[in-house]
């Protein structure tokens, strides 16, 4: 084990440096001009007087008496900070960006906006009226509008024919050209559709909202696992609607027995619409259980 100590001579040399009288220490603290703690207190009191006395804040607080502190405002000119200038009336001096007047404005305002000119302009608008549900058409200026459509790369004008009807082009990628379009049907492509029930065959659109003929309706047909059928008089139904009102799917046969493989299905609580050149018989059954159907058709 080893012990280590400071040399006594070293300690004495450091203590000798503290050999100073109290009066000398006092004079060192007070400085050359002999400032006392009272002097320091008086100086701090004077400094404190540069600020206003503490008051309670209120909406109607009067202006306090306080020291004014100057602030030199500087602006950046792109390279240096420069003092912001004012005139002798304390108004800020500014330099406006120089912009030349357009040639058509270099005239007297009276010749541009005279009372008669503004009155003529005002006549382009209708008189003010109270808005009402039965308000008549106002007499006003017609403003043209050029309708444009976007083709994916450019805006192009919408085209119209000489009778003011909008011209359209059918997108062949989506629905095909109308002249070559075939209408899909669960029973195959429609051909020779007898729309009016006569010897004339045609393909036409039938308005389901306001049909030319009243529909025939057979309601409350009970359907079980034993196949049943309903006959339709010639020339047959052109539009057939089967409504399944129960909770079991119905298997359907058109103009014959229900197929044993992949029969037509009218799902529970749904209805299905068939378009055909002439349906004279509807067969129906369920795989299990029972349900009720309604048949509606146009012939």
C-alpha atoms as a PDB file:
ATOM      1  CA  UNK A   1       0.000   0.000   0.000  1.00  0.00           C
ATOM      2  CA  UNK A   2       1.252   3.503  -0.840  1.00  0.00           C
ATOM      3  CA  UNK A   3       0.098   6.907   0.576  1.00  0.00           C
ATOM      4  CA  UNK A   4       0.402  10.229  -1.224  1.00  0.00           C
ATOM      5  CA  UNK A   5       0.542  13.748   0.386  1.00  0.00           C
ATOM      6  CA  UNK A   6       0.987  17.369  -0.700  1.00  0.00           C
ATOM      7  CA  UNK A   7       4.350  18.927   0.059  1.00  0.00           C
ATOM      8  CA  UNK A   8       4.125  21.343   3.030  1.00  0.00           C
ATOM      9  CA  UNK A   9       6.190  23.894   1.106  1.00  0.00           C
ATOM     10  CA  UNK A  10       3.648  23.925  -1.728  1.00  0.00           C
ATOM     11  CA  UNK A  11       0.754  24.441   0.641  1.00  0.00           C
ATOM     12  CA  UNK A  12       2.579  27.325   2.403  1.00  0.00           C
ATOM     13  CA  UNK A  13       3.262  29.064  -0.932  1.00  0.00           C
ATOM     14  CA  UNK A  14      -0.412  29.085  -1.763  1.00  0.00           C
ATOM     15  CA  UNK A  15      -1.436  30.316   1.686  1.00  0.00           C
ATOM     16  CA  UNK A  16       1.051  33.167   1.462  1.00  0.00           C
ATOM     17  CA  UNK A  17      -0.895  34.487  -1.532  1.00  0.00           C
ATOM     18  CA  UNK A  18      -3.916  35.048   0.761  1.00  0.00           C
ATOM     19  CA  UNK A  19      -1.954  37.408   2.965  1.00  0.00           C
ATOM     20  CA  UNK A  20      -4.130  40.575   2.568  1.00  0.00           C
ATOM     21  CA  UNK A  21      -5.726  42.900   5.094  1.00  0.00           C
ATOM     22  CA  UNK A  22      -9.493  43.309   5.300  1.00  0.00           C
ATOM     23  CA  UNK A  23      -9.186  46.997   4.447  1.00  0.00           C
ATOM     24  CA  UNK A  24      -7.288  46.120   1.278  1.00  0.00           C
ATOM     25  CA  UNK A  25      -9.996  43.590   0.353  1.00  0.00           C
ATOM     26  CA  UNK A  26     -12.643  46.276   0.926  1.00  0.00           C
ATOM     27  CA  UNK A  27     -10.839  48.798  -1.266  1.00  0.00           C
ATOM     28  CA  UNK A  28     -10.412  46.180  -3.985  1.00  0.00           C
ATOM     29  CA  UNK A  29     -14.164  45.506  -4.026  1.00  0.00           C
ATOM     30  CA  UNK A  30     -15.146  49.222  -3.959  1.00  0.00           C
ATOM     31  CA  UNK A  31     -12.867  50.143  -6.836  1.00  0.00           C
ATOM     32  CA  UNK A  32     -10.777  53.241  -7.439  1.00  0.00           C
ATOM     33  CA  UNK A  33     -13.675  55.692  -6.870  1.00  0.00           C
ATOM     34  CA  UNK A  34     -14.659  54.135  -3.544  1.00  0.00           C
ATOM     35  CA  UNK A  35     -18.235  53.061  -4.395  1.00  0.00           C
ATOM     36  CA  UNK A  36     -20.252  51.768  -1.437  1.00  0.00           C
ATOM     37  CA  UNK A  37     -23.229  49.380  -1.428  1.00  0.00           C
ATOM     38  CA  UNK A  38     -25.432  52.435  -0.890  1.00  0.00           C
ATOM     39  CA  UNK A  39     -24.045  53.936  -4.081  1.00  0.00           C
ATOM     40  CA  UNK A  40     -24.832  50.734  -5.962  1.00  0.00           C
ATOM     41  CA  UNK A  41     -28.365  50.708  -4.553  1.00  0.00           C
ATOM     42  CA  UNK A  42     -28.964  54.304  -5.628  1.00  0.00           C
ATOM     43  CA  UNK A  43     -27.770  53.558  -9.164  1.00  0.00           C
ATOM     44  CA  UNK A  44     -30.096  50.542  -9.422  1.00  0.00           C
ATOM     45  CA  UNK A  45     -33.010  52.647  -8.141  1.00  0.00           C
ATOM     46  CA  UNK A  46     -32.368  55.200 -10.892  1.00  0.00           C
ATOM     47  CA  UNK A  47     -32.316  52.411 -13.501  1.00  0.00           C
ATOM     48  CA  UNK A  48     -35.596  51.044 -12.159  1.00  0.00           C
ATOM     49  CA  UNK A  49     -37.169  54.458 -12.665  1.00  0.00           C
ATOM     50  CA  UNK A  50     -36.781  54.047 -16.435  1.00  0.00           C
ATOM     51  CA  UNK A  51     -39.816  51.725 -16.382  1.00  0.00           C
ATOM     52  CA  UNK A  52     -43.442  52.584 -15.518  1.00  0.00           C
ATOM     53  CA  UNK A  53     -44.965  51.532 -12.216  1.00  0.00           C
ATOM     54  CA  UNK A  54     -46.872  48.256 -12.157  1.00  0.00           C
ATOM     55  CA  UNK A  55     -50.645  48.702 -12.725  1.00  0.00           C
ATOM     56  CA  UNK A  56     -53.569  46.344 -13.172  1.00  0.00           C
ATOM     57  CA  UNK A  57     -54.420  45.731 -16.829  1.00  0.00           C
ATOM     58  CA  UNK A  58     -57.853  47.005 -17.941  1.00  0.00           C
ATOM     59  CA  UNK A  59     -59.689  47.835 -21.185  1.00  0.00           C
ATOM     60  CA  UNK A  60     -59.635  51.593 -20.328  1.00  0.00           C
ATOM     61  CA  UNK A  61     -55.956  51.696 -19.288  1.00  0.00           C
ATOM     62  CA  UNK A  62     -54.367  55.135 -19.849  1.00  0.00           C
ATOM     63  CA  UNK A  63     -51.066  55.626 -21.689  1.00  0.00           C
ATOM     64  CA  UNK A  64     -48.191  54.957 -19.248  1.00  0.00           C
ATOM     65  CA  UNK A  65     -45.243  57.308 -18.711  1.00  0.00           C
ATOM     66  CA  UNK A  66     -42.199  55.334 -19.833  1.00  0.00           C
ATOM     67  CA  UNK A  67     -38.837  55.663 -21.501  1.00  0.00           C
ATOM     68  CA  UNK A  68     -38.754  56.121 -25.281  1.00  0.00           C
ATOM     69  CA  UNK A  69     -36.502  53.662 -27.082  1.00  0.00           C
ATOM     70  CA  UNK A  70     -35.475  54.528 -30.624  1.00  0.00           C
ATOM     71  CA  UNK A  71     -35.458  51.905 -33.399  1.00  0.00           C
ATOM     72  CA  UNK A  72     -33.583  52.317 -36.664  1.00  0.00           C
ATOM     73  CA  UNK A  73     -35.613  50.617 -39.429  1.00  0.00           C
ATOM     74  CA  UNK A  74     -33.495  48.962 -42.090  1.00  0.00           C
ATOM     75  CA  UNK A  75     -34.415  47.620 -45.513  1.00  0.00           C
ATOM     76  CA  UNK A  76     -32.577  45.093 -47.700  1.00  0.00           C
ATOM     77  CA  UNK A  77     -31.671  46.282 -51.213  1.00  0.00           C
ATOM     78  CA  UNK A  78     -30.432  42.891 -52.383  1.00  0.00           C
ATOM     79  CA  UNK A  79     -26.850  43.494 -51.272  1.00  0.00           C
ATOM     80  CA  UNK A  80     -26.907  45.663 -48.137  1.00  0.00           C
ATOM     81  CA  UNK A  81     -29.157  46.754 -45.281  1.00  0.00           C
ATOM     82  CA  UNK A  82     -30.008  50.472 -45.680  1.00  0.00           C
ATOM     83  CA  UNK A  83     -31.898  52.921 -43.445  1.00  0.00           C
ATOM     84  CA  UNK A  84     -35.565  53.445 -44.362  1.00  0.00           C
ATOM     85  CA  UNK A  85     -36.043  57.143 -45.248  1.00  0.00           C
ATOM     86  CA  UNK A  86     -38.751  59.645 -44.269  1.00  0.00           C
ATOM     87  CA  UNK A  87     -39.346  63.260 -45.230  1.00  0.00           C
ATOM     88  CA  UNK A  88     -39.349  66.268 -42.886  1.00  0.00           C
ATOM     89  CA  UNK A  89     -43.039  65.640 -42.126  1.00  0.00           C
ATOM     90  CA  UNK A  90     -42.258  62.119 -40.844  1.00  0.00           C
ATOM     91  CA  UNK A  91     -43.913  60.500 -43.860  1.00  0.00           C
ATOM     92  CA  UNK A  92     -42.351  57.347 -45.224  1.00  0.00           C
ATOM     93  CA  UNK A  93     -40.606  57.868 -48.547  1.00  0.00           C
ATOM     94  CA  UNK A  94     -41.242  55.158 -51.161  1.00  0.00           C
ATOM     95  CA  UNK A  95     -40.165  54.541 -54.747  1.00  0.00           C
ATOM     96  CA  UNK A  96     -42.898  53.007 -56.926  1.00  0.00           C
ATOM     97  CA  UNK A  97     -42.036  50.498 -59.628  1.00  0.00           C
ATOM     98  CA  UNK A  98     -42.193  52.304 -62.992  1.00  0.00           C
ATOM     99  CA  UNK A  99     -44.879  50.791 -65.252  1.00  0.00           C
ATOM    100  CA  UNK A 100     -45.804  52.445 -68.549  1.00  0.00           C
ATOM    101  CA  UNK A 101     -49.484  53.211 -69.092  1.00  0.00           C
ATOM    102  CA  UNK A 102     -51.165  51.195 -71.866  1.00  0.00           C
ATOM    103  CA  UNK A 103     -51.691  53.357 -74.924  1.00  0.00           C
ATOM    104  CA  UNK A 104     -55.466  53.123 -74.734  1.00  0.00           C
ATOM    105  CA  UNK A 105     -55.445  54.653 -71.203  1.00  0.00           C
ATOM    106  CA  UNK A 106     -53.494  57.762 -72.157  1.00  0.00           C
ATOM    107  CA  UNK A 107     -56.743  59.736 -72.667  1.00  0.00           C
ATOM    108  CA  UNK A 108     -59.009  61.794 -70.470  1.00  0.00           C
ATOM    109  CA  UNK A 109     -61.227  59.701 -68.195  1.00  0.00           C
ATOM    110  CA  UNK A 110     -64.281  61.708 -69.237  1.00  0.00           C
ATOM    111  CA  UNK A 111     -63.968  60.395 -72.794  1.00  0.00           C
ATOM    112  CA  UNK A 112     -63.716  56.813 -71.545  1.00  0.00           C
ATOM    113  CA  UNK A 113     -66.423  56.652 -68.877  1.00  0.00           C
ATOM    114  CA  UNK A 114     -68.908  59.427 -69.590  1.00  0.00           C
ATOM    115  CA  UNK A 115     -72.395  59.199 -68.098  1.00  0.00           C
ATOM    116  CA  UNK A 116     -73.897  58.451 -71.522  1.00  0.00           C
ATOM    117  CA  UNK A 117     -71.410  55.638 -72.109  1.00  0.00           C
ATOM    118  CA  UNK A 118     -72.165  54.040 -68.758  1.00  0.00           C
ATOM    119  CA  UNK A 119     -75.915  54.422 -69.303  1.00  0.00           C
ATOM    120  CA  UNK A 120     -75.639  52.567 -72.600  1.00  0.00           C
ATOM    121  CA  UNK A 121     -73.671  49.813 -70.877  1.00  0.00           C
ATOM    122  CA  UNK A 122     -76.270  49.584 -68.099  1.00  0.00           C
ATOM    123  CA  UNK A 123     -78.975  49.056 -70.714  1.00  0.00           C
ATOM    124  CA  UNK A 124     -77.430  45.691 -71.562  1.00  0.00           C
ATOM    125  CA  UNK A 125     -78.837  44.242 -68.318  1.00  0.00           C
ATOM    126  CA  UNK A 126     -82.474  43.697 -67.273  1.00  0.00           C
ATOM    127  CA  UNK A 127     -84.131  45.880 -64.638  1.00  0.00           C
ATOM    128  CA  UNK A 128     -84.106  44.668 -61.040  1.00  0.00           C
ATOM    129  CA  UNK A 129     -87.250  42.678 -60.111  1.00  0.00           C
ATOM    130  CA  UNK A 130     -88.381  40.721 -57.055  1.00  0.00           C
ATOM    131  CA  UNK A 131     -87.705  37.003 -57.443  1.00  0.00           C
ATOM    132  CA  UNK A 132     -90.842  34.821 -57.479  1.00  0.00           C
ATOM    133  CA  UNK A 133     -91.831  31.285 -58.554  1.00  0.00           C
ATOM    134  CA  UNK A 134     -93.971  32.686 -61.400  1.00  0.00           C
ATOM    135  CA  UNK A 135     -91.362  35.176 -62.639  1.00  0.00           C
ATOM    136  CA  UNK A 136     -91.576  35.751 -66.383  1.00  0.00           C
ATOM    137  CA  UNK A 137     -88.626  35.612 -68.789  1.00  0.00           C
ATOM    138  CA  UNK A 138     -86.595  38.846 -68.503  1.00  0.00           C
ATOM    139  CA  UNK A 139     -85.633  40.976 -71.496  1.00  0.00           C
ATOM    140  CA  UNK A 140     -81.853  40.881 -71.522  1.00  0.00           C
ATOM    141  CA  UNK A 141     -78.812  40.676 -73.745  1.00  0.00           C
ATOM    142  CA  UNK A 142     -78.036  37.329 -75.399  1.00  0.00           C
ATOM    143  CA  UNK A 143     -74.520  36.095 -74.690  1.00  0.00           C
ATOM    144  CA  UNK A 144     -73.081  33.372 -76.889  1.00  0.00           C
ATOM    145  CA  UNK A 145     -71.262  30.405 -75.392  1.00  0.00           C
ATOM    146  CA  UNK A 146     -68.940  28.149 -77.389  1.00  0.00           C
ATOM    147  CA  UNK A 147     -69.255  24.649 -75.910  1.00  0.00           C
ATOM    148  CA  UNK A 148     -66.014  22.660 -75.950  1.00  0.00           C
ATOM    149  CA  UNK A 149     -65.246  18.999 -75.325  1.00  0.00           C
ATOM    150  CA  UNK A 150     -61.955  17.342 -74.325  1.00  0.00           C
ATOM    151  CA  UNK A 151     -60.688  14.563 -76.650  1.00  0.00           C
ATOM    152  CA  UNK A 152     -57.836  13.527 -74.358  1.00  0.00           C
ATOM    153  CA  UNK A 153     -55.311  15.894 -75.924  1.00  0.00           C
ATOM    154  CA  UNK A 154     -57.152  19.036 -77.124  1.00  0.00           C
ATOM    155  CA  UNK A 155     -60.302  21.075 -76.507  1.00  0.00           C
ATOM    156  CA  UNK A 156     -62.572  20.862 -79.573  1.00  0.00           C
ATOM    157  CA  UNK A 157     -65.870  22.548 -80.461  1.00  0.00           C
ATOM    158  CA  UNK A 158     -69.023  20.440 -80.020  1.00  0.00           C
ATOM    159  CA  UNK A 159     -70.631  19.874 -83.433  1.00  0.00           C
ATOM    160  CA  UNK A 160     -74.269  20.358 -84.451  1.00  0.00           C
ATOM    161  CA  UNK A 161     -76.131  19.715 -87.698  1.00  0.00           C
ATOM    162  CA  UNK A 162     -78.017  22.317 -89.737  1.00  0.00           C
ATOM    163  CA  UNK A 163     -81.148  21.660 -87.616  1.00  0.00           C
ATOM    164  CA  UNK A 164     -79.276  22.594 -84.397  1.00  0.00           C
ATOM    165  CA  UNK A 165     -79.194  18.988 -83.187  1.00  0.00           C
ATOM    166  CA  UNK A 166     -76.076  17.860 -81.327  1.00  0.00           C
ATOM    167  CA  UNK A 167     -73.971  15.415 -83.335  1.00  0.00           C
ATOM    168  CA  UNK A 168     -72.589  12.406 -81.435  1.00  0.00           C
ATOM    169  CA  UNK A 169     -70.321   9.457 -82.214  1.00  0.00           C
ATOM    170  CA  UNK A 170     -70.888   6.067 -80.602  1.00  0.00           C
ATOM    171  CA  UNK A 171     -67.784   4.587 -78.959  1.00  0.00           C
ATOM    172  CA  UNK A 172     -67.255   1.342 -80.866  1.00  0.00           C
ATOM    173  CA  UNK A 173     -64.881   0.031 -78.179  1.00  0.00           C
ATOM    174  CA  UNK A 174     -67.679  -0.018 -75.620  1.00  0.00           C
ATOM    175  CA  UNK A 175     -70.973  -0.823 -77.343  1.00  0.00           C
ATOM    176  CA  UNK A 176     -70.087  -1.305 -80.993  1.00  0.00           C
ATOM    177  CA  UNK A 177     -71.530   0.542 -83.979  1.00  0.00           C
ATOM    178  CA  UNK A 178     -75.296   0.825 -83.661  1.00  0.00           C
ATOM    179  CA  UNK A 179     -75.919  -0.637 -87.083  1.00  0.00           C
ATOM    180  CA  UNK A 180     -74.033  -3.816 -86.159  1.00  0.00           C
ATOM    181  CA  UNK A 181     -75.140  -4.097 -82.516  1.00  0.00           C
ATOM    182  CA  UNK A 182     -76.922  -7.264 -81.402  1.00  0.00           C
ATOM    183  CA  UNK A 183     -79.005  -7.320 -78.230  1.00  0.00           C
ATOM    184  CA  UNK A 184     -78.080 -10.235 -75.927  1.00  0.00           C
ATOM    185  CA  UNK A 185     -80.911 -12.400 -74.608  1.00  0.00           C
ATOM    186  CA  UNK A 186     -80.985 -15.470 -72.328  1.00  0.00           C
ATOM    187  CA  UNK A 187     -82.689 -17.334 -75.165  1.00  0.00           C
ATOM    188  CA  UNK A 188     -80.242 -16.251 -77.851  1.00  0.00           C
ATOM    189  CA  UNK A 189     -79.915 -13.300 -80.227  1.00  0.00           C
ATOM    190  CA  UNK A 190     -83.229 -11.667 -81.136  1.00  0.00           C
ATOM    191  CA  UNK A 191     -84.153 -12.152 -84.769  1.00  0.00           C
ATOM    192  CA  UNK A 192     -87.387 -11.413 -86.615  1.00  0.00           C
ATOM    193  CA  UNK A 193     -88.969  -9.819 -83.540  1.00  0.00           C
ATOM    194  CA  UNK A 194     -92.735  -9.543 -83.989  1.00  0.00           C
ATOM    195  CA  UNK A 195     -93.288  -6.326 -82.033  1.00  0.00           C
ATOM    196  CA  UNK A 196     -96.862  -5.497 -82.954  1.00  0.00           C
ATOM    197  CA  UNK A 197     -98.306  -9.013 -83.092  1.00  0.00           C
ATOM    198  CA  UNK A 198     -98.944  -8.964 -86.844  1.00  0.00           C
ATOM    199  CA  UNK A 199     -97.119 -10.450 -89.799  1.00  0.00           C
ATOM    200  CA  UNK A 200     -94.644  -7.559 -89.841  1.00  0.00           C
ATOM    201  CA  UNK A 201     -91.280  -8.422 -88.250  1.00  0.00           C
ATOM    202  CA  UNK A 202     -89.101  -5.619 -86.813  1.00  0.00           C
ATOM    203  CA  UNK A 203     -86.666  -4.793 -84.074  1.00  0.00           C
ATOM    204  CA  UNK A 204     -87.936  -1.886 -81.983  1.00  0.00           C
ATOM    205  CA  UNK A 205     -87.841  -0.251 -78.554  1.00  0.00           C
ATOM    206  CA  UNK A 206     -90.894  -0.781 -76.359  1.00  0.00           C
ATOM    207  CA  UNK A 207     -91.609   1.947 -73.803  1.00  0.00           C
ATOM    208  CA  UNK A 208     -92.101   0.076 -70.514  1.00  0.00           C
ATOM    209  CA  UNK A 209     -93.506   3.170 -68.773  1.00  0.00           C
ATOM    210  CA  UNK A 210     -96.277   3.946 -71.267  1.00  0.00           C
ATOM    211  CA  UNK A 211     -96.776   0.742 -73.317  1.00  0.00           C
ATOM    212  CA  UNK A 212     -99.008   0.789 -76.364  1.00  0.00           C
ATOM    213  CA  UNK A 213    -100.851  -2.230 -74.928  1.00  0.00           C
ATOM    214  CA  UNK A 214    -101.983  -3.078 -71.438  1.00  0.00           C
ATOM    215  CA  UNK A 215    -100.160  -6.038 -69.863  1.00  0.00           C
ATOM    216  CA  UNK A 216    -101.777  -9.350 -68.987  1.00  0.00           C
ATOM    217  CA  UNK A 217    -101.205 -10.402 -65.375  1.00  0.00           C
ATOM    218  CA  UNK A 218    -101.579 -13.789 -63.687  1.00  0.00           C
ATOM    219  CA  UNK A 219    -100.971 -13.534 -59.947  1.00  0.00           C
ATOM    220  CA  UNK A 220    -100.465 -15.997 -57.113  1.00  0.00           C
ATOM    221  CA  UNK A 221     -99.308 -19.047 -59.097  1.00  0.00           C
ATOM    222  CA  UNK A 222     -98.303 -21.788 -56.639  1.00  0.00           C
ATOM    223  CA  UNK A 223     -95.051 -23.517 -57.592  1.00  0.00           C
ATOM    224  CA  UNK A 224     -93.916 -26.850 -56.117  1.00  0.00           C
ATOM    225  CA  UNK A 225     -91.515 -29.647 -56.990  1.00  0.00           C
ATOM    226  CA  UNK A 226     -94.125 -30.919 -59.461  1.00  0.00           C
ATOM    227  CA  UNK A 227     -93.691 -29.048 -62.740  1.00  0.00           C
ATOM    228  CA  UNK A 228     -96.571 -26.773 -63.737  1.00  0.00           C
ATOM    229  CA  UNK A 229     -97.226 -24.584 -66.789  1.00  0.00           C
ATOM    230  CA  UNK A 230     -99.148 -21.540 -67.988  1.00  0.00           C
ATOM    231  CA  UNK A 231    -100.212 -21.131 -71.623  1.00  0.00           C
ATOM    232  CA  UNK A 232    -100.216 -17.802 -73.497  1.00  0.00           C
ATOM    233  CA  UNK A 233    -102.432 -17.323 -76.545  1.00  0.00           C
ATOM    234  CA  UNK A 234    -100.880 -16.761 -79.987  1.00  0.00           C
ATOM    235  CA  UNK A 235     -99.010 -14.862 -81.251  1.00  0.00           C
ATOM    236  CA  UNK A 236     -97.416 -15.171 -77.778  1.00  0.00           C
ATOM    237  CA  UNK A 237     -95.743 -12.802 -75.338  1.00  0.00           C
ATOM    238  CA  UNK A 238     -93.133 -10.397 -76.693  1.00  0.00           C
ATOM    239  CA  UNK A 239     -92.173  -9.195 -73.189  1.00  0.00           C
ATOM    240  CA  UNK A 240     -92.521 -11.606 -70.248  1.00  0.00           C
ATOM    241  CA  UNK A 241     -91.974 -10.680 -66.579  1.00  0.00           C
ATOM    242  CA  UNK A 242     -91.776 -13.424 -63.926  1.00  0.00           C
ATOM    243  CA  UNK A 243     -91.791 -12.255 -60.298  1.00  0.00           C
ATOM    244  CA  UNK A 244     -90.701 -14.724 -57.598  1.00  0.00           C
ATOM    245  CA  UNK A 245     -92.433 -13.702 -54.358  1.00  0.00           C
ATOM    246  CA  UNK A 246     -91.102 -16.521 -52.168  1.00  0.00           C
ATOM    247  CA  UNK A 247     -87.832 -17.602 -50.600  1.00  0.00           C
ATOM    248  CA  UNK A 248     -87.016 -20.480 -52.993  1.00  0.00           C
ATOM    249  CA  UNK A 249     -85.476 -20.188 -56.493  1.00  0.00           C
ATOM    250  CA  UNK A 250     -87.771 -21.060 -59.418  1.00  0.00           C
ATOM    251  CA  UNK A 251     -86.649 -23.106 -62.450  1.00  0.00           C
ATOM    252  CA  UNK A 252     -88.176 -21.889 -65.735  1.00  0.00           C
ATOM    253  CA  UNK A 253     -88.799 -23.439 -69.141  1.00  0.00           C
ATOM    254  CA  UNK A 254     -89.808 -21.222 -72.089  1.00  0.00           C
ATOM    255  CA  UNK A 255     -92.086 -22.786 -74.739  1.00  0.00           C
ATOM    256  CA  UNK A 256     -91.406 -26.219 -73.289  1.00  0.00           C
ATOM    257  CA  UNK A 257     -90.528 -28.274 -70.247  1.00  0.00           C
ATOM    258  CA  UNK A 258     -88.016 -27.083 -67.662  1.00  0.00           C
ATOM    259  CA  UNK A 259     -84.591 -28.276 -68.877  1.00  0.00           C
ATOM    260  CA  UNK A 260     -82.967 -30.909 -66.688  1.00  0.00           C
ATOM    261  CA  UNK A 261     -79.564 -29.238 -67.198  1.00  0.00           C
ATOM    262  CA  UNK A 262     -78.908 -25.522 -66.621  1.00  0.00           C
ATOM    263  CA  UNK A 263     -82.523 -24.296 -66.539  1.00  0.00           C
ATOM    264  CA  UNK A 264     -83.369 -20.594 -66.400  1.00  0.00           C
ATOM    265  CA  UNK A 265     -83.554 -19.424 -62.774  1.00  0.00           C
ATOM    266  CA  UNK A 266     -85.609 -16.662 -61.183  1.00  0.00           C
ATOM    267  CA  UNK A 267     -84.002 -16.170 -57.795  1.00  0.00           C
ATOM    268  CA  UNK A 268     -86.003 -15.759 -54.601  1.00  0.00           C
ATOM    269  CA  UNK A 269     -87.505 -12.293 -54.055  1.00  0.00           C
ATOM    270  CA  UNK A 270     -86.483 -11.087 -57.530  1.00  0.00           C
ATOM    271  CA  UNK A 271     -88.076 -10.715 -60.942  1.00  0.00           C
ATOM    272  CA  UNK A 272     -86.709 -11.372 -64.431  1.00  0.00           C
ATOM    273  CA  UNK A 273     -87.696  -9.840 -67.795  1.00  0.00           C
ATOM    274  CA  UNK A 274     -87.627 -11.917 -71.013  1.00  0.00           C
ATOM    275  CA  UNK A 275     -87.803 -10.417 -74.543  1.00  0.00           C
ATOM    276  CA  UNK A 276     -88.826 -12.926 -77.214  1.00  0.00           C
ATOM    277  CA  UNK A 277     -90.511 -13.107 -80.587  1.00  0.00           C
ATOM    278  CA  UNK A 278     -93.365 -15.147 -79.109  1.00  0.00           C
ATOM    279  CA  UNK A 279     -93.659 -17.037 -75.782  1.00  0.00           C
ATOM    280  CA  UNK A 280     -96.714 -19.310 -75.810  1.00  0.00           C
ATOM    281  CA  UNK A 281     -95.957 -21.425 -72.713  1.00  0.00           C
ATOM    282  CA  UNK A 282     -94.144 -20.950 -69.401  1.00  0.00           C
ATOM    283  CA  UNK A 283     -93.177 -24.027 -67.349  1.00  0.00           C
ATOM    284  CA  UNK A 284     -91.986 -23.764 -63.737  1.00  0.00           C
ATOM    285  CA  UNK A 285     -90.995 -25.831 -60.689  1.00  0.00           C
ATOM    286  CA  UNK A 286     -88.704 -25.691 -57.635  1.00  0.00           C
ATOM    287  CA  UNK A 287     -85.999 -28.122 -56.571  1.00  0.00           C
ATOM    288  CA  UNK A 288     -87.423 -28.294 -53.041  1.00  0.00           C
ATOM    289  CA  UNK A 289     -90.005 -26.546 -50.933  1.00  0.00           C
ATOM    290  CA  UNK A 290     -92.493 -24.181 -52.607  1.00  0.00           C
ATOM    291  CA  UNK A 291     -92.983 -20.563 -53.663  1.00  0.00           C
ATOM    292  CA  UNK A 292     -95.430 -18.228 -55.418  1.00  0.00           C
ATOM    293  CA  UNK A 293     -94.895 -16.380 -58.710  1.00  0.00           C
ATOM    294  CA  UNK A 294     -96.683 -13.692 -60.728  1.00  0.00           C
ATOM    295  CA  UNK A 295     -96.559 -13.693 -64.543  1.00  0.00           C
ATOM    296  CA  UNK A 296     -96.998 -10.447 -66.502  1.00  0.00           C
ATOM    297  CA  UNK A 297     -96.672 -10.226 -70.280  1.00  0.00           C
ATOM    298  CA  UNK A 298     -97.263  -8.088 -73.379  1.00  0.00           C
ATOM    299  CA  UNK A 299     -98.271  -9.835 -76.606  1.00  0.00           C
END
